[in-house]
Amino acid sequence: MTHDPAVASTPETRMRFTRREFWRGAWSAWAIFMIILTSGLVATGIIQSGYPWGDALSSVLLFLVYGIPFGGLVSLLVMLAGSPLAWGLGRLLAATDHIVVHLLAFAGLGAGIGAAVVGTGIIGQPPAPYVAVVSIACALAVAGGWYGTFRRSRREEWPRHVA
């Protein structure tokens, strides 16, 4: 959040973030999504192992070899394309210092973007449970990216002095 000593903190700017903080949050959200994606691919590989995919190790490797590059590229493009929405949402919420409001708003943005990506068909037409899983993963990633950046910026602004 804004911690330039030359700029007075007002209610309208208390929760405003810098460009550096914004991109830190965007990349954090992408990294969190990739961790969730990798976990999901491993779990799916184990669950769907057997004929015709082979044993669990083969199935997991198959899912990871194809899923990580494709999912990483798609999620990177989605992160870049969705960044203006997150920037705008952050600016709208700059005067709101209730953390829960920010978390819910950014989780909602992530869920909406996840549902929109699934709706475009870019990842195929998965069954309804997978749509929910993608939306939840995106919600957790975007809210987690915001929260991690928020905590880090607060630590930079008000460091703990240990004697």
N, C-alpha and C. Protein backbone atom coordinates (compact mmCIF):
# COMPACT_ATOMS: atom_id res chain seq x y z
N MET A 1 0.84 -1.15 0.00
CA MET A 1 0.00 0.00 0.00
C MET A 1 0.89 1.23 0.00
N THR A 2 0.34 2.34 -0.29
CA THR A 2 1.14 3.55 -0.42
C THR A 2 1.91 3.82 0.86
N HIS A 3 3.22 3.89 0.76
CA HIS A 3 4.01 4.22 1.93
C HIS A 3 5.10 5.22 1.58
N ASP A 4 4.78 6.17 0.74
CA ASP A 4 5.68 7.27 0.43
C ASP A 4 5.55 8.29 1.55
N PRO A 5 6.62 8.57 2.30
CA PRO A 5 6.51 9.50 3.43
C PRO A 5 6.10 10.90 3.00
N ALA A 6 6.34 11.26 1.74
CA ALA A 6 5.97 12.60 1.26
C ALA A 6 4.48 12.73 1.01
N VAL A 7 3.77 11.58 0.92
CA VAL A 7 2.34 11.59 0.65
C VAL A 7 1.60 11.29 1.94
N ALA A 8 0.74 12.20 2.35
CA ALA A 8 -0.03 11.99 3.57
C ALA A 8 -1.06 10.89 3.33
N SER A 9 -1.23 10.03 4.31
CA SER A 9 -2.23 8.98 4.20
C SER A 9 -3.60 9.55 4.56
N THR A 10 -4.47 9.52 3.59
CA THR A 10 -5.83 10.00 3.79
C THR A 10 -6.77 8.82 3.67
N PRO A 11 -8.01 8.96 4.11
CA PRO A 11 -8.94 7.85 3.97
C PRO A 11 -9.10 7.39 2.51
N GLU A 12 -8.93 8.31 1.56
CA GLU A 12 -9.09 7.96 0.15
C GLU A 12 -7.89 7.21 -0.41
N THR A 13 -6.74 7.32 0.24
CA THR A 13 -5.53 6.70 -0.29
C THR A 13 -4.91 5.66 0.64
N ARG A 14 -5.52 5.41 1.77
CA ARG A 14 -4.93 4.51 2.77
C ARG A 14 -4.61 3.13 2.19
N MET A 15 -5.51 2.60 1.38
CA MET A 15 -5.32 1.26 0.85
C MET A 15 -4.90 1.27 -0.63
N ARG A 16 -4.47 2.41 -1.13
CA ARG A 16 -3.99 2.49 -2.51
C ARG A 16 -2.63 1.82 -2.59
N PHE A 17 -2.41 1.07 -3.64
CA PHE A 17 -1.15 0.37 -3.80
C PHE A 17 -0.34 1.00 -4.92
N THR A 18 0.97 0.74 -4.89
CA THR A 18 1.86 1.24 -5.93
C THR A 18 1.87 0.26 -7.10
N ARG A 19 2.45 0.67 -8.20
CA ARG A 19 2.57 -0.24 -9.35
C ARG A 19 3.40 -1.47 -8.98
N ARG A 20 4.47 -1.23 -8.24
CA ARG A 20 5.32 -2.36 -7.82
C ARG A 20 4.52 -3.35 -6.98
N GLU A 21 3.73 -2.85 -6.05
CA GLU A 21 2.90 -3.72 -5.21
C GLU A 21 1.85 -4.44 -6.06
N PHE A 22 1.28 -3.72 -7.01
CA PHE A 22 0.28 -4.33 -7.88
C PHE A 22 0.87 -5.53 -8.63
N TRP A 23 2.02 -5.32 -9.25
CA TRP A 23 2.61 -6.42 -10.02
C TRP A 23 3.12 -7.53 -9.11
N ARG A 24 3.54 -7.20 -7.92
CA ARG A 24 3.91 -8.23 -6.95
C ARG A 24 2.70 -9.11 -6.66
N GLY A 25 1.53 -8.47 -6.47
CA GLY A 25 0.31 -9.23 -6.21
C GLY A 25 -0.12 -10.05 -7.41
N ALA A 26 0.02 -9.49 -8.61
CA ALA A 26 -0.38 -10.23 -9.82
C ALA A 26 0.49 -11.47 -10.00
N TRP A 27 1.80 -11.32 -9.84
CA TRP A 27 2.68 -12.48 -9.97
C TRP A 27 2.47 -13.48 -8.84
N SER A 28 2.16 -12.99 -7.66
CA SER A 28 1.85 -13.89 -6.54
C SER A 28 0.60 -14.70 -6.84
N ALA A 29 -0.41 -14.04 -7.38
CA ALA A 29 -1.65 -14.74 -7.73
C ALA A 29 -1.37 -15.82 -8.78
N TRP A 30 -0.53 -15.49 -9.76
CA TRP A 30 -0.19 -16.48 -10.79
C TRP A 30 0.54 -17.67 -10.17
N ALA A 31 1.50 -17.39 -9.27
CA ALA A 31 2.25 -18.47 -8.62
C ALA A 31 1.33 -19.35 -7.77
N ILE A 32 0.41 -18.73 -7.03
CA ILE A 32 -0.53 -19.50 -6.22
C ILE A 32 -1.40 -20.37 -7.13
N PHE A 33 -1.87 -19.80 -8.25
CA PHE A 33 -2.67 -20.59 -9.18
C PHE A 33 -1.87 -21.78 -9.72
N MET A 34 -0.60 -21.58 -10.03
CA MET A 34 0.22 -22.67 -10.55
C MET A 34 0.41 -23.77 -9.50
N ILE A 35 0.52 -23.41 -8.24
CA ILE A 35 0.61 -24.41 -7.18
C ILE A 35 -0.69 -25.20 -7.09
N ILE A 36 -1.82 -24.48 -7.15
CA ILE A 36 -3.12 -25.15 -7.11
C ILE A 36 -3.29 -26.04 -8.34
N LEU A 37 -2.89 -25.53 -9.52
CA LEU A 37 -3.00 -26.31 -10.76
C LEU A 37 -2.17 -27.58 -10.67
N THR A 38 -0.94 -27.46 -10.21
CA THR A 38 -0.07 -28.63 -10.09
C THR A 38 -0.66 -29.66 -9.13
N SER A 39 -1.15 -29.20 -7.99
CA SER A 39 -1.79 -30.11 -7.03
C SER A 39 -3.01 -30.78 -7.64
N GLY A 40 -3.79 -30.00 -8.36
CA GLY A 40 -4.99 -30.54 -9.01
C GLY A 40 -4.66 -31.56 -10.08
N LEU A 41 -3.61 -31.30 -10.84
CA LEU A 41 -3.20 -32.25 -11.89
C LEU A 41 -2.69 -33.55 -11.28
N VAL A 42 -1.94 -33.44 -10.18
CA VAL A 42 -1.46 -34.65 -9.51
C VAL A 42 -2.65 -35.46 -8.97
N ALA A 43 -3.58 -34.77 -8.30
CA ALA A 43 -4.75 -35.46 -7.75
C ALA A 43 -5.58 -36.09 -8.87
N THR A 44 -5.78 -35.37 -9.95
CA THR A 44 -6.57 -35.91 -11.06
C THR A 44 -5.85 -37.09 -11.69
N GLY A 45 -4.53 -36.99 -11.82
CA GLY A 45 -3.77 -38.11 -12.38
C GLY A 45 -3.89 -39.36 -11.53
N ILE A 46 -3.88 -39.19 -10.22
CA ILE A 46 -4.03 -40.35 -9.33
C ILE A 46 -5.43 -40.93 -9.41
N ILE A 47 -6.42 -40.04 -9.40
CA ILE A 47 -7.82 -40.50 -9.43
C ILE A 47 -8.15 -41.19 -10.74
N GLN A 48 -7.63 -40.67 -11.84
CA GLN A 48 -7.97 -41.23 -13.15
C GLN A 48 -6.96 -42.25 -13.65
N SER A 49 -6.08 -42.72 -12.78
CA SER A 49 -5.12 -43.72 -13.22
C SER A 49 -5.84 -45.03 -13.51
N GLY A 50 -5.19 -45.86 -14.30
CA GLY A 50 -5.78 -47.12 -14.73
C GLY A 50 -5.95 -47.12 -16.23
N TYR A 51 -6.67 -48.07 -16.73
CA TYR A 51 -6.85 -48.19 -18.17
C TYR A 51 -7.55 -46.95 -18.71
N PRO A 52 -7.17 -46.35 -19.78
CA PRO A 52 -6.06 -46.63 -20.70
C PRO A 52 -4.79 -45.86 -20.36
N TRP A 53 -4.74 -45.14 -19.24
CA TRP A 53 -3.61 -44.27 -18.95
C TRP A 53 -2.45 -44.99 -18.29
N GLY A 54 -2.69 -46.10 -17.65
CA GLY A 54 -1.61 -46.81 -16.98
C GLY A 54 -1.66 -46.58 -15.48
N ASP A 55 -0.53 -46.88 -14.83
CA ASP A 55 -0.48 -46.74 -13.37
C ASP A 55 -0.51 -45.26 -12.97
N ALA A 56 -0.56 -45.03 -11.67
CA ALA A 56 -0.72 -43.66 -11.16
C ALA A 56 0.45 -42.77 -11.56
N LEU A 57 1.68 -43.27 -11.51
CA LEU A 57 2.84 -42.46 -11.87
C LEU A 57 2.77 -42.02 -13.33
N SER A 58 2.43 -42.95 -14.21
CA SER A 58 2.31 -42.61 -15.64
C SER A 58 1.22 -41.58 -15.86
N SER A 59 0.11 -41.76 -15.18
CA SER A 59 -1.01 -40.84 -15.33
C SER A 59 -0.65 -39.45 -14.82
N VAL A 60 -0.01 -39.38 -13.66
CA VAL A 60 0.40 -38.09 -13.10
C VAL A 60 1.39 -37.40 -14.03
N LEU A 61 2.38 -38.14 -14.52
CA LEU A 61 3.37 -37.55 -15.43
C LEU A 61 2.70 -37.04 -16.71
N LEU A 62 1.77 -37.79 -17.23
CA LEU A 62 1.05 -37.37 -18.43
C LEU A 62 0.30 -36.06 -18.18
N PHE A 63 -0.42 -35.99 -17.07
CA PHE A 63 -1.15 -34.78 -16.74
C PHE A 63 -0.21 -33.59 -16.53
N LEU A 64 0.93 -33.82 -15.87
CA LEU A 64 1.86 -32.73 -15.60
C LEU A 64 2.57 -32.26 -16.87
N VAL A 65 2.98 -33.20 -17.72
CA VAL A 65 3.72 -32.84 -18.93
C VAL A 65 2.87 -31.99 -19.87
N TYR A 66 1.58 -32.29 -19.95
CA TYR A 66 0.71 -31.51 -20.82
C TYR A 66 0.02 -30.37 -20.07
N GLY A 67 -0.34 -30.60 -18.83
CA GLY A 67 -1.11 -29.62 -18.07
C GLY A 67 -0.34 -28.41 -17.61
N ILE A 68 0.90 -28.59 -17.17
CA ILE A 68 1.68 -27.46 -16.65
C ILE A 68 2.01 -26.45 -17.74
N PRO A 69 2.56 -26.86 -18.88
CA PRO A 69 2.84 -25.84 -19.91
C PRO A 69 1.57 -25.16 -20.43
N PHE A 70 0.54 -25.94 -20.71
CA PHE A 70 -0.69 -25.35 -21.25
C PHE A 70 -1.37 -24.48 -20.19
N GLY A 71 -1.52 -25.02 -18.99
CA GLY A 71 -2.15 -24.26 -17.91
C GLY A 71 -1.34 -23.04 -17.51
N GLY A 72 -0.02 -23.16 -17.53
CA GLY A 72 0.84 -22.03 -17.20
C GLY A 72 0.72 -20.91 -18.22
N LEU A 73 0.70 -21.28 -19.50
CA LEU A 73 0.58 -20.27 -20.54
C LEU A 73 -0.78 -19.60 -20.52
N VAL A 74 -1.84 -20.40 -20.42
CA VAL A 74 -3.19 -19.83 -20.38
C VAL A 74 -3.35 -18.93 -19.15
N SER A 75 -2.91 -19.40 -17.99
CA SER A 75 -3.08 -18.59 -16.77
C SER A 75 -2.22 -17.33 -16.82
N LEU A 76 -1.05 -17.40 -17.46
CA LEU A 76 -0.22 -16.20 -17.61
C LEU A 76 -0.94 -15.16 -18.49
N LEU A 77 -1.49 -15.62 -19.61
CA LEU A 77 -2.23 -14.71 -20.49
C LEU A 77 -3.47 -14.14 -19.80
N VAL A 78 -4.15 -14.97 -19.04
CA VAL A 78 -5.33 -14.52 -18.31
C VAL A 78 -4.92 -13.50 -17.24
N MET A 79 -3.80 -13.76 -16.56
CA MET A 79 -3.32 -12.81 -15.54
C MET A 79 -3.02 -11.46 -16.17
N LEU A 80 -2.36 -11.46 -17.30
CA LEU A 80 -2.03 -10.21 -17.97
C LEU A 80 -3.29 -9.50 -18.49
N ALA A 81 -4.22 -10.27 -19.06
CA ALA A 81 -5.44 -9.68 -19.58
C ALA A 81 -6.37 -9.19 -18.46
N GLY A 82 -6.36 -9.88 -17.33
CA GLY A 82 -7.23 -9.50 -16.21
C GLY A 82 -6.64 -8.43 -15.31
N SER A 83 -5.38 -8.11 -15.50
CA SER A 83 -4.73 -7.11 -14.65
C SER A 83 -5.42 -5.75 -14.64
N PRO A 84 -5.89 -5.25 -15.77
CA PRO A 84 -6.60 -3.96 -15.71
C PRO A 84 -7.85 -4.01 -14.83
N LEU A 85 -8.53 -5.14 -14.81
CA LEU A 85 -9.70 -5.27 -13.94
C LEU A 85 -9.29 -5.23 -12.48
N ALA A 86 -8.21 -5.93 -12.15
CA ALA A 86 -7.72 -5.93 -10.76
C ALA A 86 -7.23 -4.54 -10.37
N TRP A 87 -6.57 -3.84 -11.28
CA TRP A 87 -6.10 -2.49 -11.01
C TRP A 87 -7.29 -1.58 -10.71
N GLY A 88 -8.30 -1.66 -11.55
CA GLY A 88 -9.50 -0.84 -11.35
C GLY A 88 -10.21 -1.16 -10.05
N LEU A 89 -10.32 -2.45 -9.74
CA LEU A 89 -10.96 -2.85 -8.49
C LEU A 89 -10.17 -2.32 -7.30
N GLY A 90 -8.86 -2.42 -7.37
CA GLY A 90 -8.03 -1.90 -6.29
C GLY A 90 -8.22 -0.40 -6.10
N ARG A 91 -8.34 0.33 -7.19
CA ARG A 91 -8.56 1.78 -7.11
C ARG A 91 -9.94 2.09 -6.53
N LEU A 92 -10.94 1.29 -6.90
CA LEU A 92 -12.28 1.49 -6.35
C LEU A 92 -12.31 1.26 -4.84
N LEU A 93 -11.49 0.33 -4.37
CA LEU A 93 -11.48 -0.03 -2.95
C LEU A 93 -10.43 0.73 -2.14
N ALA A 94 -9.75 1.69 -2.73
CA ALA A 94 -8.66 2.38 -2.05
C ALA A 94 -9.10 3.06 -0.76
N ALA A 95 -10.34 3.52 -0.69
CA ALA A 95 -10.82 4.21 0.51
C ALA A 95 -11.41 3.25 1.54
N THR A 96 -11.49 1.98 1.21
CA THR A 96 -12.04 0.97 2.11
C THR A 96 -10.91 0.26 2.82
N ASP A 97 -10.85 0.38 4.13
CA ASP A 97 -9.75 -0.27 4.84
C ASP A 97 -10.17 -1.58 5.52
N HIS A 98 -11.32 -2.10 5.17
CA HIS A 98 -11.77 -3.38 5.70
C HIS A 98 -11.16 -4.50 4.85
N ILE A 99 -10.27 -5.25 5.43
CA ILE A 99 -9.54 -6.29 4.71
C ILE A 99 -10.48 -7.34 4.14
N VAL A 100 -11.51 -7.71 4.88
CA VAL A 100 -12.45 -8.72 4.41
C VAL A 100 -13.14 -8.27 3.13
N VAL A 101 -13.47 -6.99 3.04
CA VAL A 101 -14.10 -6.46 1.83
C VAL A 101 -13.16 -6.64 0.64
N HIS A 102 -11.89 -6.32 0.83
CA HIS A 102 -10.91 -6.49 -0.24
C HIS A 102 -10.77 -7.96 -0.63
N LEU A 103 -10.65 -8.82 0.37
CA LEU A 103 -10.50 -10.25 0.08
C LEU A 103 -11.70 -10.79 -0.69
N LEU A 104 -12.90 -10.44 -0.25
CA LEU A 104 -14.10 -10.92 -0.95
C LEU A 104 -14.20 -10.35 -2.36
N ALA A 105 -13.86 -9.08 -2.51
CA ALA A 105 -13.93 -8.45 -3.84
C ALA A 105 -12.92 -9.11 -4.80
N PHE A 106 -11.70 -9.31 -4.33
CA PHE A 106 -10.70 -9.92 -5.21
C PHE A 106 -10.98 -11.40 -5.44
N ALA A 107 -11.53 -12.09 -4.45
CA ALA A 107 -11.93 -13.49 -4.66
C ALA A 107 -13.06 -13.55 -5.70
N GLY A 108 -14.00 -12.62 -5.61
CA GLY A 108 -15.08 -12.56 -6.60
C GLY A 108 -14.55 -12.28 -7.99
N LEU A 109 -13.58 -11.38 -8.09
CA LEU A 109 -12.96 -11.10 -9.39
C LEU A 109 -12.30 -12.36 -9.93
N GLY A 110 -11.55 -13.05 -9.09
CA GLY A 110 -10.89 -14.29 -9.52
C GLY A 110 -11.88 -15.35 -9.96
N ALA A 111 -12.96 -15.52 -9.19
CA ALA A 111 -13.97 -16.52 -9.55
C ALA A 111 -14.64 -16.15 -10.87
N GLY A 112 -14.92 -14.87 -11.06
CA GLY A 112 -15.54 -14.43 -12.31
C GLY A 112 -14.62 -14.65 -13.50
N ILE A 113 -13.36 -14.35 -13.33
CA ILE A 113 -12.40 -14.56 -14.42
C ILE A 113 -12.26 -16.05 -14.71
N GLY A 114 -12.20 -16.87 -13.67
CA GLY A 114 -12.12 -18.32 -13.87
C GLY A 114 -13.32 -18.85 -14.62
N ALA A 115 -14.51 -18.41 -14.24
CA ALA A 115 -15.73 -18.85 -14.92
C ALA A 115 -15.74 -18.36 -16.37
N ALA A 116 -15.25 -17.15 -16.60
CA ALA A 116 -15.21 -16.61 -17.96
C ALA A 116 -14.24 -17.40 -18.84
N VAL A 117 -13.09 -17.78 -18.28
CA VAL A 117 -12.12 -18.56 -19.05
C VAL A 117 -12.71 -19.91 -19.41
N VAL A 118 -13.36 -20.55 -18.45
CA VAL A 118 -13.98 -21.85 -18.73
C VAL A 118 -15.09 -21.67 -19.76
N GLY A 119 -15.85 -20.58 -19.65
CA GLY A 119 -16.94 -20.32 -20.58
C GLY A 119 -16.50 -20.09 -22.01
N THR A 120 -15.26 -19.60 -22.20
CA THR A 120 -14.76 -19.38 -23.56
C THR A 120 -14.45 -20.68 -24.27
N GLY A 121 -14.27 -21.74 -23.52
CA GLY A 121 -13.95 -23.03 -24.12
C GLY A 121 -12.47 -23.21 -24.40
N ILE A 122 -11.63 -22.29 -23.98
CA ILE A 122 -10.20 -22.39 -24.25
C ILE A 122 -9.60 -23.63 -23.60
N ILE A 123 -10.17 -24.07 -22.49
CA ILE A 123 -9.66 -25.27 -21.84
C ILE A 123 -10.58 -26.46 -22.09
N GLY A 124 -11.37 -26.38 -23.16
CA GLY A 124 -12.32 -27.43 -23.47
C GLY A 124 -13.64 -27.16 -22.78
N GLN A 125 -14.50 -28.11 -22.79
CA GLN A 125 -15.80 -27.99 -22.12
C GLN A 125 -15.86 -29.01 -20.99
N PRO A 126 -15.23 -28.67 -19.87
CA PRO A 126 -15.21 -29.62 -18.75
C PRO A 126 -16.58 -29.73 -18.10
N PRO A 127 -16.81 -30.85 -17.40
CA PRO A 127 -18.07 -30.99 -16.67
C PRO A 127 -18.19 -29.95 -15.55
N ALA A 128 -19.38 -29.74 -15.07
CA ALA A 128 -19.68 -28.71 -14.08
C ALA A 128 -18.76 -28.72 -12.85
N PRO A 129 -18.43 -29.88 -12.29
CA PRO A 129 -17.54 -29.84 -11.11
C PRO A 129 -16.20 -29.17 -11.40
N TYR A 130 -15.67 -29.37 -12.60
CA TYR A 130 -14.39 -28.76 -12.94
C TYR A 130 -14.51 -27.26 -13.11
N VAL A 131 -15.66 -26.79 -13.58
CA VAL A 131 -15.90 -25.36 -13.69
C VAL A 131 -15.84 -24.74 -12.30
N ALA A 132 -16.47 -25.40 -11.34
CA ALA A 132 -16.44 -24.91 -9.96
C ALA A 132 -15.02 -24.94 -9.41
N VAL A 133 -14.28 -26.00 -9.70
CA VAL A 133 -12.90 -26.12 -9.21
C VAL A 133 -12.03 -25.01 -9.79
N VAL A 134 -12.15 -24.75 -11.08
CA VAL A 134 -11.36 -23.69 -11.71
C VAL A 134 -11.73 -22.34 -11.11
N SER A 135 -13.02 -22.09 -10.93
CA SER A 135 -13.46 -20.81 -10.36
C SER A 135 -12.96 -20.64 -8.92
N ILE A 136 -13.02 -21.69 -8.14
CA ILE A 136 -12.53 -21.62 -6.76
C ILE A 136 -11.02 -21.43 -6.73
N ALA A 137 -10.30 -22.14 -7.61
CA ALA A 137 -8.85 -21.99 -7.68
C ALA A 137 -8.47 -20.55 -8.04
N CYS A 138 -9.17 -19.98 -8.99
CA CYS A 138 -8.90 -18.59 -9.38
C CYS A 138 -9.24 -17.63 -8.25
N ALA A 139 -10.34 -17.87 -7.56
CA ALA A 139 -10.73 -17.02 -6.43
C ALA A 139 -9.66 -17.06 -5.34
N LEU A 140 -9.20 -18.25 -5.00
CA LEU A 140 -8.16 -18.39 -3.98
C LEU A 140 -6.85 -17.74 -4.41
N ALA A 141 -6.51 -17.90 -5.68
CA ALA A 141 -5.25 -17.35 -6.18
C ALA A 141 -5.26 -15.82 -6.16
N VAL A 142 -6.33 -15.21 -6.65
CA VAL A 142 -6.39 -13.75 -6.71
C VAL A 142 -6.47 -13.15 -5.31
N ALA A 143 -7.31 -13.70 -4.46
CA ALA A 143 -7.40 -13.20 -3.09
C ALA A 143 -6.08 -13.45 -2.34
N GLY A 144 -5.46 -14.60 -2.56
CA GLY A 144 -4.18 -14.89 -1.93
C GLY A 144 -3.08 -13.97 -2.40
N GLY A 145 -3.06 -13.65 -3.69
CA GLY A 145 -2.09 -12.71 -4.22
C GLY A 145 -2.25 -11.33 -3.60
N TRP A 146 -3.50 -10.89 -3.47
CA TRP A 146 -3.76 -9.59 -2.84
C TRP A 146 -3.31 -9.61 -1.38
N TYR A 147 -3.70 -10.65 -0.65
CA TYR A 147 -3.40 -10.70 0.78
C TYR A 147 -1.89 -10.77 1.05
N GLY A 148 -1.19 -11.59 0.28
CA GLY A 148 0.26 -11.69 0.47
C GLY A 148 0.95 -10.36 0.22
N THR A 149 0.51 -9.66 -0.80
CA THR A 149 1.09 -8.35 -1.09
C THR A 149 0.72 -7.34 -0.01
N PHE A 150 -0.50 -7.39 0.46
CA PHE A 150 -0.94 -6.50 1.53
C PHE A 150 -0.08 -6.69 2.77
N ARG A 151 0.11 -7.94 3.19
CA ARG A 151 0.91 -8.22 4.39
C ARG A 151 2.36 -7.76 4.22
N ARG A 152 2.91 -8.03 3.05
CA ARG A 152 4.30 -7.64 2.82
C ARG A 152 4.45 -6.12 2.83
N SER A 153 3.52 -5.42 2.20
CA SER A 153 3.62 -3.96 2.18
C SER A 153 3.43 -3.38 3.57
N ARG A 154 2.58 -4.00 4.39
CA ARG A 154 2.42 -3.53 5.77
C ARG A 154 3.70 -3.75 6.57
N ARG A 155 4.37 -4.88 6.35
CA ARG A 155 5.64 -5.13 7.04
C ARG A 155 6.70 -4.13 6.61
N GLU A 156 6.70 -3.74 5.33
CA GLU A 156 7.66 -2.74 4.86
C GLU A 156 7.34 -1.37 5.44
N GLU A 157 6.06 -1.08 5.60
CA GLU A 157 5.63 0.22 6.10
C GLU A 157 5.86 0.35 7.60
N TRP A 158 5.54 -0.70 8.33
CA TRP A 158 5.68 -0.68 9.79
C TRP A 158 6.53 -1.89 10.21
N PRO A 159 7.85 -1.82 10.01
CA PRO A 159 8.68 -2.97 10.38
C PRO A 159 8.69 -3.18 11.89
N ARG A 160 8.81 -4.41 12.27
CA ARG A 160 8.91 -4.75 13.69
C ARG A 160 10.32 -4.48 14.17
N HIS A 161 10.44 -3.80 15.26
CA HIS A 161 11.75 -3.52 15.82
C HIS A 161 11.98 -4.47 16.98
N VAL A 162 12.90 -5.36 16.80
CA VAL A 162 13.23 -6.32 17.85
C VAL A 162 14.54 -5.88 18.48
N ALA A 163 14.50 -5.67 19.80
CA ALA A 163 15.70 -5.18 20.48
C ALA A 163 16.54 -6.33 20.97
